[in-house]
Amino acid sequence: MPNSKIASFFMNLFNSAKSENLRWQQENQQEIYALKSHKERAKQSLQVELEKQKAEFSFQLAKIKQQHEASLTMFKAECEQQIRDYKQYLDSIDQLKTLIQKSYSHLPDAVSLTIHHHAKQILKQMWQCQDIEKKLQHETRLIELMTTVHQDTLESADQSHSGTQLPKRTLELIKLPQSKDD
Protein backbone atom coordinates (compact mmCIF):
# COMPACT_ATOMS: atom_id res chain seq x y z
CA MET A 1 0.00 0.00 0.00
CA PRO A 2 2.82 2.41 -0.07
CA ASN A 3 1.96 3.12 -3.68
CA SER A 4 -1.46 4.28 -2.65
CA LYS A 5 0.11 6.67 -0.14
CA ILE A 6 2.30 8.12 -2.88
CA ALA A 7 -0.66 8.34 -5.20
CA SER A 8 -2.72 9.93 -2.45
CA PHE A 9 0.12 12.35 -1.72
CA PHE A 10 0.30 13.39 -5.37
CA MET A 11 -3.49 13.67 -5.62
CA ASN A 12 -3.56 15.90 -2.55
CA LEU A 13 -0.69 17.94 -3.95
CA PHE A 14 -2.45 18.24 -7.31
CA ASN A 15 -5.77 19.17 -5.67
CA SER A 16 -4.06 21.62 -3.40
CA ALA A 17 -2.30 23.28 -6.40
CA LYS A 18 -5.60 23.43 -8.27
CA SER A 19 -7.33 24.90 -5.23
CA GLU A 20 -4.57 27.46 -4.80
CA ASN A 21 -4.79 28.34 -8.48
CA LEU A 22 -8.58 28.69 -8.25
CA ARG A 23 -8.29 30.82 -5.13
CA TRP A 24 -5.68 33.01 -6.81
CA GLN A 25 -7.86 33.40 -9.93
CA GLN A 26 -10.87 34.33 -7.78
CA GLU A 27 -8.82 36.91 -5.86
CA ASN A 28 -7.36 38.39 -9.03
CA GLN A 29 -10.37 37.95 -11.28
CA GLN A 30 -11.01 41.67 -11.61
CA GLU A 31 -7.36 42.37 -12.46
CA ILE A 32 -7.29 39.50 -14.97
CA TYR A 33 -10.50 40.79 -16.55
CA ALA A 34 -9.12 44.35 -16.58
CA LEU A 35 -5.89 43.16 -18.23
CA LYS A 36 -7.76 41.11 -20.83
CA SER A 37 -10.09 44.02 -21.47
CA HIS A 38 -7.16 46.44 -21.72
CA LYS A 39 -5.35 44.06 -24.09
CA GLU A 40 -8.46 43.80 -26.32
CA ARG A 41 -8.95 47.60 -26.35
CA ALA A 42 -5.27 48.09 -27.19
CA LYS A 43 -5.54 45.53 -29.98
CA GLN A 44 -8.65 47.28 -31.37
CA SER A 45 -6.96 50.67 -31.04
CA LEU A 46 -3.93 49.38 -32.93
CA GLN A 47 -6.21 47.94 -35.60
CA VAL A 48 -8.01 51.29 -35.97
CA GLU A 49 -4.67 53.12 -36.14
CA LEU A 50 -3.40 50.62 -38.70
CA GLU A 51 -6.51 51.15 -40.83
CA LYS A 52 -6.09 54.94 -40.60
CA GLN A 53 -2.44 54.70 -41.62
CA LYS A 54 -3.32 52.31 -44.43
CA ALA A 55 -5.96 54.76 -45.70
CA GLU A 56 -3.50 57.67 -45.44
CA PHE A 57 -0.84 55.66 -47.24
CA SER A 58 -3.30 54.74 -50.00
CA PHE A 59 -4.30 58.39 -50.35
CA GLN A 60 -0.66 59.55 -50.49
CA LEU A 61 0.21 56.81 -52.97
CA ALA A 62 -2.72 57.78 -55.22
CA LYS A 63 -1.69 61.43 -54.97
CA ILE A 64 1.93 60.61 -55.89
CA LYS A 65 0.77 58.44 -58.80
CA GLN A 66 -1.44 61.25 -60.07
CA GLN A 67 1.40 63.78 -59.77
CA HIS A 68 3.78 61.36 -61.49
CA GLU A 69 1.33 60.77 -64.33
CA ALA A 70 0.81 64.52 -64.75
CA SER A 71 4.58 65.12 -64.72
CA LEU A 72 5.12 62.31 -67.20
CA THR A 73 2.42 63.67 -69.51
CA MET A 74 3.98 67.14 -69.36
CA PHE A 75 7.45 65.72 -69.94
CA LYS A 76 6.24 63.74 -72.96
CA ALA A 77 4.55 66.85 -74.37
CA GLU A 78 7.75 68.86 -73.85
CA CYS A 79 9.82 66.16 -75.55
CA GLU A 80 7.42 65.98 -78.48
CA GLN A 81 7.57 69.78 -78.82
CA GLN A 82 11.37 69.69 -78.66
CA ILE A 83 11.43 67.06 -81.39
CA ARG A 84 9.15 69.22 -83.56
CA ASP A 85 11.35 72.27 -82.86
CA TYR A 86 14.52 70.34 -83.69
CA LYS A 87 12.97 69.08 -86.92
CA GLN A 88 12.02 72.65 -87.85
CA TYR A 89 15.59 73.75 -87.22
CA LEU A 90 16.86 70.93 -89.43
CA ASP A 91 14.35 71.85 -92.14
CA SER A 92 15.54 75.48 -92.00
CA ILE A 93 19.15 74.37 -92.27
CA ASP A 94 18.21 72.18 -95.28
CA GLN A 95 16.49 75.18 -96.88
CA LEU A 96 19.66 77.19 -96.30
CA LYS A 97 21.70 74.51 -98.11
CA THR A 98 19.27 74.62 -101.05
CA LEU A 99 19.46 78.42 -101.10
CA ILE A 100 23.27 78.29 -101.21
CA GLN A 101 23.18 75.70 -104.01
CA LYS A 102 20.79 77.87 -106.06
CA SER A 103 22.62 81.14 -105.41
CA TYR A 104 26.06 79.66 -105.99
CA SER A 105 25.34 76.97 -108.56
CA HIS A 106 28.92 77.19 -109.86
CA LEU A 107 30.34 76.04 -106.49
CA PRO A 108 31.02 72.37 -105.80
CA ASP A 109 28.40 70.66 -103.64
CA ALA A 110 31.09 70.12 -101.00
CA VAL A 111 30.97 73.85 -100.14
CA SER A 112 27.21 73.93 -99.54
CA LEU A 113 27.39 70.59 -97.73
CA THR A 114 30.21 71.89 -95.49
CA ILE A 115 28.19 74.99 -94.57
CA HIS A 116 25.14 72.76 -94.02
CA HIS A 117 27.17 70.37 -91.85
CA HIS A 118 28.61 73.27 -89.85
CA ALA A 119 25.12 74.60 -89.15
CA LYS A 120 23.94 71.13 -88.09
CA GLN A 121 26.91 70.78 -85.72
CA ILE A 122 26.12 74.11 -84.07
CA LEU A 123 22.48 73.01 -83.75
CA LYS A 124 23.55 69.71 -82.21
CA GLN A 125 25.84 71.49 -79.72
CA MET A 126 23.03 73.90 -78.86
CA TRP A 127 20.55 71.08 -78.37
CA GLN A 128 22.78 68.91 -76.22
CA CYS A 129 24.15 71.70 -74.04
CA GLN A 130 22.84 71.72 -70.46
CA ASP A 131 24.34 75.06 -69.47
CA ILE A 132 21.86 77.80 -70.42
CA GLU A 133 24.56 80.40 -71.05
CA LYS A 134 26.47 78.14 -73.41
CA LYS A 135 23.23 77.04 -75.04
CA LEU A 136 22.44 80.69 -75.80
CA GLN A 137 25.96 81.17 -77.19
CA HIS A 138 25.43 78.26 -79.58
CA GLU A 139 22.04 79.65 -80.54
CA THR A 140 23.64 83.03 -81.26
CA ARG A 141 26.30 81.33 -83.41
CA LEU A 142 23.59 79.47 -85.36
CA ILE A 143 21.57 82.63 -85.92
CA GLU A 144 24.71 84.49 -86.99
CA LEU A 145 25.62 81.73 -89.46
CA MET A 146 22.12 81.54 -90.91
CA THR A 147 21.77 85.34 -91.31
CA THR A 148 25.23 85.55 -92.85
CA VAL A 149 24.34 82.84 -95.39
CA HIS A 150 21.10 84.66 -96.13
CA GLN A 151 22.94 87.99 -96.64
CA ASP A 152 25.50 86.33 -98.92
CA THR A 153 22.78 84.71 -101.03
CA LEU A 154 20.88 88.01 -101.31
CA GLU A 155 24.05 89.77 -102.48
CA SER A 156 24.73 86.98 -104.93
CA ALA A 157 21.29 87.44 -106.48
CA ASP A 158 21.89 91.22 -106.80
CA GLN A 159 25.24 90.87 -108.57
CA SER A 160 25.40 90.15 -112.26
CA HIS A 161 28.67 88.18 -112.14
CA SER A 162 27.39 85.61 -109.69
CA GLY A 163 29.09 82.83 -111.62
CA THR A 164 32.39 83.66 -109.91
CA GLN A 165 31.04 84.92 -106.61
CA LEU A 166 31.67 83.12 -103.29
CA PRO A 167 29.71 83.24 -100.03
CA LYS A 168 32.68 85.09 -98.52
CA ARG A 169 31.21 86.17 -95.18
CA THR A 170 29.81 82.69 -94.58
CA LEU A 171 33.12 81.02 -95.34
CA GLU A 172 34.96 83.55 -93.14
CA LEU A 173 32.52 82.88 -90.32
CA ILE A 174 33.12 79.14 -90.58
CA LYS A 175 36.92 79.69 -90.59
CA LEU A 176 36.80 81.64 -87.33
CA PRO A 177 38.36 79.64 -84.51
CA GLN A 178 35.74 78.43 -82.06
CA SER A 179 36.13 78.99 -78.33
CA LYS A 180 37.55 76.16 -76.22
CA ASP A 181 34.19 75.73 -74.43
CA ASP A 182 32.54 74.27 -77.54
C-alpha atoms as a PDB file:
ATOM      1  CA  MET A   1       0.000   0.000   0.000  1.00  0.00           C
ATOM      2  CA  PRO A   2       2.822   2.406  -0.071  1.00  0.00           C
ATOM      3  CA  ASN A   3       1.957   3.122  -3.684  1.00  0.00           C
ATOM      4  CA  SER A   4      -1.456   4.280  -2.653  1.00  0.00           C
ATOM      5  CA  LYS A   5       0.106   6.669  -0.137  1.00  0.00           C
ATOM      6  CA  ILE A   6       2.302   8.119  -2.877  1.00  0.00           C
ATOM      7  CA  ALA A   7      -0.664   8.345  -5.201  1.00  0.00           C
ATOM      8  CA  SER A   8      -2.717   9.935  -2.452  1.00  0.00           C
ATOM      9  CA  PHE A   9       0.118  12.354  -1.723  1.00  0.00           C
ATOM     10  CA  PHE A  10       0.301  13.394  -5.374  1.00  0.00           C
ATOM     11  CA  MET A  11      -3.491  13.669  -5.617  1.00  0.00           C
ATOM     12  CA  ASN A  12      -3.559  15.895  -2.552  1.00  0.00           C
ATOM     13  CA  LEU A  13      -0.694  17.943  -3.950  1.00  0.00           C
ATOM     14  CA  PHE A  14      -2.449  18.237  -7.311  1.00  0.00           C
ATOM     15  CA  ASN A  15      -5.774  19.175  -5.674  1.00  0.00           C
ATOM     16  CA  SER A  16      -4.055  21.621  -3.398  1.00  0.00           C
ATOM     17  CA  ALA A  17      -2.299  23.279  -6.405  1.00  0.00           C
ATOM     18  CA  LYS A  18      -5.599  23.426  -8.273  1.00  0.00           C
ATOM     19  CA  SER A  19      -7.326  24.904  -5.231  1.00  0.00           C
ATOM     20  CA  GLU A  20      -4.575  27.458  -4.800  1.00  0.00           C
ATOM     21  CA  ASN A  21      -4.787  28.336  -8.481  1.00  0.00           C
ATOM     22  CA  LEU A  22      -8.577  28.686  -8.250  1.00  0.00           C
ATOM     23  CA  ARG A  23      -8.289  30.818  -5.131  1.00  0.00           C
ATOM     24  CA  TRP A  24      -5.675  33.015  -6.812  1.00  0.00           C
ATOM     25  CA  GLN A  25      -7.856  33.403  -9.926  1.00  0.00           C
ATOM     26  CA  GLN A  26     -10.868  34.334  -7.776  1.00  0.00           C
ATOM     27  CA  GLU A  27      -8.825  36.913  -5.857  1.00  0.00           C
ATOM     28  CA  ASN A  28      -7.356  38.392  -9.032  1.00  0.00           C
ATOM     29  CA  GLN A  29     -10.374  37.955 -11.279  1.00  0.00           C
ATOM     30  CA  GLN A  30     -11.009  41.673 -11.607  1.00  0.00           C
ATOM     31  CA  GLU A  31      -7.361  42.370 -12.463  1.00  0.00           C
ATOM     32  CA  ILE A  32      -7.293  39.502 -14.970  1.00  0.00           C
ATOM     33  CA  TYR A  33     -10.495  40.792 -16.545  1.00  0.00           C
ATOM     34  CA  ALA A  34      -9.120  44.350 -16.582  1.00  0.00           C
ATOM     35  CA  LEU A  35      -5.890  43.160 -18.225  1.00  0.00           C
ATOM     36  CA  LYS A  36      -7.757  41.109 -20.834  1.00  0.00           C
ATOM     37  CA  SER A  37     -10.092  44.018 -21.468  1.00  0.00           C
ATOM     38  CA  HIS A  38      -7.160  46.444 -21.722  1.00  0.00           C
ATOM     39  CA  LYS A  39      -5.353  44.061 -24.093  1.00  0.00           C
ATOM     40  CA  GLU A  40      -8.456  43.804 -26.320  1.00  0.00           C
ATOM     41  CA  ARG A  41      -8.954  47.603 -26.354  1.00  0.00           C
ATOM     42  CA  ALA A  42      -5.267  48.088 -27.191  1.00  0.00           C
ATOM     43  CA  LYS A  43      -5.544  45.533 -29.978  1.00  0.00           C
ATOM     44  CA  GLN A  44      -8.652  47.278 -31.367  1.00  0.00           C
ATOM     45  CA  SER A  45      -6.959  50.675 -31.038  1.00  0.00           C
ATOM     46  CA  LEU A  46      -3.930  49.384 -32.926  1.00  0.00           C
ATOM     47  CA  GLN A  47      -6.207  47.938 -35.596  1.00  0.00           C
ATOM     48  CA  VAL A  48      -8.009  51.289 -35.969  1.00  0.00           C
ATOM     49  CA  GLU A  49      -4.669  53.125 -36.144  1.00  0.00           C
ATOM     50  CA  LEU A  50      -3.399  50.625 -38.696  1.00  0.00           C
ATOM     51  CA  GLU A  51      -6.511  51.153 -40.833  1.00  0.00           C
ATOM     52  CA  LYS A  52      -6.089  54.943 -40.603  1.00  0.00           C
ATOM     53  CA  GLN A  53      -2.437  54.698 -41.621  1.00  0.00           C
ATOM     54  CA  LYS A  54      -3.324  52.313 -44.427  1.00  0.00           C
ATOM     55  CA  ALA A  55      -5.963  54.758 -45.697  1.00  0.00           C
ATOM     56  CA  GLU A  56      -3.502  57.671 -45.435  1.00  0.00           C
ATOM     57  CA  PHE A  57      -0.836  55.661 -47.238  1.00  0.00           C
ATOM     58  CA  SER A  58      -3.304  54.737 -50.004  1.00  0.00           C
ATOM     59  CA  PHE A  59      -4.299  58.388 -50.351  1.00  0.00           C
ATOM     60  CA  GLN A  60      -0.660  59.548 -50.489  1.00  0.00           C
ATOM     61  CA  LEU A  61       0.206  56.815 -52.975  1.00  0.00           C
ATOM     62  CA  ALA A  62      -2.716  57.778 -55.221  1.00  0.00           C
ATOM     63  CA  LYS A  63      -1.690  61.427 -54.973  1.00  0.00           C
ATOM     64  CA  ILE A  64       1.932  60.615 -55.886  1.00  0.00           C
ATOM     65  CA  LYS A  65       0.770  58.437 -58.802  1.00  0.00           C
ATOM     66  CA  GLN A  66      -1.437  61.247 -60.070  1.00  0.00           C
ATOM     67  CA  GLN A  67       1.404  63.783 -59.771  1.00  0.00           C
ATOM     68  CA  HIS A  68       3.782  61.365 -61.491  1.00  0.00           C
ATOM     69  CA  GLU A  69       1.329  60.766 -64.332  1.00  0.00           C
ATOM     70  CA  ALA A  70       0.811  64.515 -64.748  1.00  0.00           C
ATOM     71  CA  SER A  71       4.582  65.121 -64.722  1.00  0.00           C
ATOM     72  CA  LEU A  72       5.118  62.310 -67.196  1.00  0.00           C
ATOM     73  CA  THR A  73       2.417  63.668 -69.508  1.00  0.00           C
ATOM     74  CA  MET A  74       3.980  67.136 -69.359  1.00  0.00           C
ATOM     75  CA  PHE A  75       7.450  65.724 -69.945  1.00  0.00           C
ATOM     76  CA  LYS A  76       6.236  63.739 -72.955  1.00  0.00           C
ATOM     77  CA  ALA A  77       4.553  66.852 -74.371  1.00  0.00           C
ATOM     78  CA  GLU A  78       7.751  68.863 -73.850  1.00  0.00           C
ATOM     79  CA  CYS A  79       9.822  66.155 -75.546  1.00  0.00           C
ATOM     80  CA  GLU A  80       7.421  65.982 -78.481  1.00  0.00           C
ATOM     81  CA  GLN A  81       7.571  69.784 -78.820  1.00  0.00           C
ATOM     82  CA  GLN A  82      11.372  69.692 -78.657  1.00  0.00           C
ATOM     83  CA  ILE A  83      11.435  67.057 -81.393  1.00  0.00           C
ATOM     84  CA  ARG A  84       9.151  69.222 -83.557  1.00  0.00           C
ATOM     85  CA  ASP A  85      11.348  72.272 -82.864  1.00  0.00           C
ATOM     86  CA  TYR A  86      14.521  70.340 -83.690  1.00  0.00           C
ATOM     87  CA  LYS A  87      12.974  69.082 -86.924  1.00  0.00           C
ATOM     88  CA  GLN A  88      12.017  72.653 -87.846  1.00  0.00           C
ATOM     89  CA  TYR A  89      15.590  73.754 -87.224  1.00  0.00           C
ATOM     90  CA  LEU A  90      16.861  70.934 -89.433  1.00  0.00           C
ATOM     91  CA  ASP A  91      14.353  71.852 -92.140  1.00  0.00           C
ATOM     92  CA  SER A  92      15.535  75.475 -91.997  1.00  0.00           C
ATOM     93  CA  ILE A  93      19.151  74.369 -92.275  1.00  0.00           C
ATOM     94  CA  ASP A  94      18.209  72.185 -95.281  1.00  0.00           C
ATOM     95  CA  GLN A  95      16.491  75.184 -96.881  1.00  0.00           C
ATOM     96  CA  LEU A  96      19.663  77.186 -96.298  1.00  0.00           C
ATOM     97  CA  LYS A  97      21.696  74.514 -98.115  1.00  0.00           C
ATOM     98  CA  THR A  98      19.266  74.620-101.050  1.00  0.00           C
ATOM     99  CA  LEU A  99      19.457  78.422-101.102  1.00  0.00           C
ATOM    100  CA  ILE A 100      23.270  78.294-101.213  1.00  0.00           C
ATOM    101  CA  GLN A 101      23.181  75.703-104.012  1.00  0.00           C
ATOM    102  CA  LYS A 102      20.787  77.871-106.059  1.00  0.00           C
ATOM    103  CA  SER A 103      22.621  81.139-105.408  1.00  0.00           C
ATOM    104  CA  TYR A 104      26.059  79.659-105.994  1.00  0.00           C
ATOM    105  CA  SER A 105      25.337  76.971-108.556  1.00  0.00           C
ATOM    106  CA  HIS A 106      28.923  77.190-109.857  1.00  0.00           C
ATOM    107  CA  LEU A 107      30.339  76.040-106.490  1.00  0.00           C
ATOM    108  CA  PRO A 108      31.020  72.372-105.796  1.00  0.00           C
ATOM    109  CA  ASP A 109      28.402  70.664-103.644  1.00  0.00           C
ATOM    110  CA  ALA A 110      31.088  70.121-100.997  1.00  0.00           C
ATOM    111  CA  VAL A 111      30.972  73.848-100.140  1.00  0.00           C
ATOM    112  CA  SER A 112      27.206  73.930 -99.540  1.00  0.00           C
ATOM    113  CA  LEU A 113      27.393  70.590 -97.728  1.00  0.00           C
ATOM    114  CA  THR A 114      30.206  71.888 -95.493  1.00  0.00           C
ATOM    115  CA  ILE A 115      28.187  74.986 -94.568  1.00  0.00           C
ATOM    116  CA  HIS A 116      25.139  72.755 -94.017  1.00  0.00           C
ATOM    117  CA  HIS A 117      27.171  70.367 -91.848  1.00  0.00           C
ATOM    118  CA  HIS A 118      28.614  73.266 -89.847  1.00  0.00           C
ATOM    119  CA  ALA A 119      25.116  74.600 -89.149  1.00  0.00           C
ATOM    120  CA  LYS A 120      23.940  71.126 -88.086  1.00  0.00           C
ATOM    121  CA  GLN A 121      26.910  70.776 -85.721  1.00  0.00           C
ATOM    122  CA  ILE A 122      26.118  74.105 -84.071  1.00  0.00           C
ATOM    123  CA  LEU A 123      22.476  73.009 -83.750  1.00  0.00           C
ATOM    124  CA  LYS A 124      23.554  69.707 -82.206  1.00  0.00           C
ATOM    125  CA  GLN A 125      25.837  71.492 -79.715  1.00  0.00           C
ATOM    126  CA  MET A 126      23.035  73.899 -78.857  1.00  0.00           C
ATOM    127  CA  TRP A 127      20.546  71.077 -78.372  1.00  0.00           C
ATOM    128  CA  GLN A 128      22.778  68.912 -76.216  1.00  0.00           C
ATOM    129  CA  CYS A 129      24.147  71.703 -74.038  1.00  0.00           C
ATOM    130  CA  GLN A 130      22.840  71.715 -70.461  1.00  0.00           C
ATOM    131  CA  ASP A 131      24.344  75.064 -69.466  1.00  0.00           C
ATOM    132  CA  ILE A 132      21.864  77.805 -70.425  1.00  0.00           C
ATOM    133  CA  GLU A 133      24.560  80.405 -71.046  1.00  0.00           C
ATOM    134  CA  LYS A 134      26.469  78.139 -73.409  1.00  0.00           C
ATOM    135  CA  LYS A 135      23.226  77.037 -75.043  1.00  0.00           C
ATOM    136  CA  LEU A 136      22.439  80.687 -75.801  1.00  0.00           C
ATOM    137  CA  GLN A 137      25.961  81.173 -77.187  1.00  0.00           C
ATOM    138  CA  HIS A 138      25.434  78.257 -79.581  1.00  0.00           C
ATOM    139  CA  GLU A 139      22.045  79.646 -80.542  1.00  0.00           C
ATOM    140  CA  THR A 140      23.644  83.033 -81.262  1.00  0.00           C
ATOM    141  CA  ARG A 141      26.297  81.330 -83.413  1.00  0.00           C
ATOM    142  CA  LEU A 142      23.592  79.469 -85.356  1.00  0.00           C
ATOM    143  CA  ILE A 143      21.573  82.632 -85.922  1.00  0.00           C
ATOM    144  CA  GLU A 144      24.713  84.486 -86.985  1.00  0.00           C
ATOM    145  CA  LEU A 145      25.618  81.732 -89.464  1.00  0.00           C
ATOM    146  CA  MET A 146      22.120  81.545 -90.913  1.00  0.00           C
ATOM    147  CA  THR A 147      21.766  85.337 -91.307  1.00  0.00           C
ATOM    148  CA  THR A 148      25.235  85.553 -92.852  1.00  0.00           C
ATOM    149  CA  VAL A 149      24.335  82.839 -95.387  1.00  0.00           C
ATOM    150  CA  HIS A 150      21.097  84.658 -96.134  1.00  0.00           C
ATOM    151  CA  GLN A 151      22.940  87.987 -96.644  1.00  0.00           C
ATOM    152  CA  ASP A 152      25.503  86.326 -98.923  1.00  0.00           C
ATOM    153  CA  THR A 153      22.780  84.711-101.033  1.00  0.00           C
ATOM    154  CA  LEU A 154      20.879  88.011-101.306  1.00  0.00           C
ATOM    155  CA  GLU A 155      24.048  89.769-102.480  1.00  0.00           C
ATOM    156  CA  SER A 156      24.725  86.978-104.925  1.00  0.00           C
ATOM    157  CA  ALA A 157      21.291  87.444-106.477  1.00  0.00           C
ATOM    158  CA  ASP A 158      21.887  91.224-106.799  1.00  0.00           C
ATOM    159  CA  GLN A 159      25.237  90.874-108.569  1.00  0.00           C
ATOM    160  CA  SER A 160      25.401  90.154-112.262  1.00  0.00           C
ATOM    161  CA  HIS A 161      28.669  88.182-112.142  1.00  0.00           C
ATOM    162  CA  SER A 162      27.387  85.605-109.689  1.00  0.00           C
ATOM    163  CA  GLY A 163      29.094  82.832-111.616  1.00  0.00           C
ATOM    164  CA  THR A 164      32.391  83.659-109.912  1.00  0.00           C
ATOM    165  CA  GLN A 165      31.036  84.923-106.614  1.00  0.00           C
ATOM    166  CA  LEU A 166      31.666  83.116-103.288  1.00  0.00           C
ATOM    167  CA  PRO A 167      29.715  83.240-100.028  1.00  0.00           C
ATOM    168  CA  LYS A 168      32.685  85.090 -98.518  1.00  0.00           C
ATOM    169  CA  ARG A 169      31.208  86.166 -95.177  1.00  0.00           C
ATOM    170  CA  THR A 170      29.808  82.687 -94.579  1.00  0.00           C
ATOM    171  CA  LEU A 171      33.124  81.024 -95.339  1.00  0.00           C
ATOM    172  CA  GLU A 172      34.957  83.552 -93.136  1.00  0.00           C
ATOM    173  CA  LEU A 173      32.522  82.884 -90.317  1.00  0.00           C
ATOM    174  CA  ILE A 174      33.124  79.140 -90.575  1.00  0.00           C
ATOM    175  CA  LYS A 175      36.916  79.687 -90.591  1.00  0.00           C
ATOM    176  CA  LEU A 176      36.798  81.644 -87.326  1.00  0.00           C
ATOM    177  CA  PRO A 177      38.362  79.643 -84.514  1.00  0.00           C
ATOM    178  CA  GLN A 178      35.742  78.428 -82.062  1.00  0.00           C
ATOM    179  CA  SER A 179      36.129  78.986 -78.329  1.00  0.00           C
ATOM    180  CA  LYS A 180      37.554  76.163 -76.225  1.00  0.00           C
ATOM    181  CA  ASP A 181      34.186  75.734 -74.429  1.00  0.00           C
ATOM    182  CA  ASP A 182      32.543  74.270 -77.538  1.00  0.00           C
END
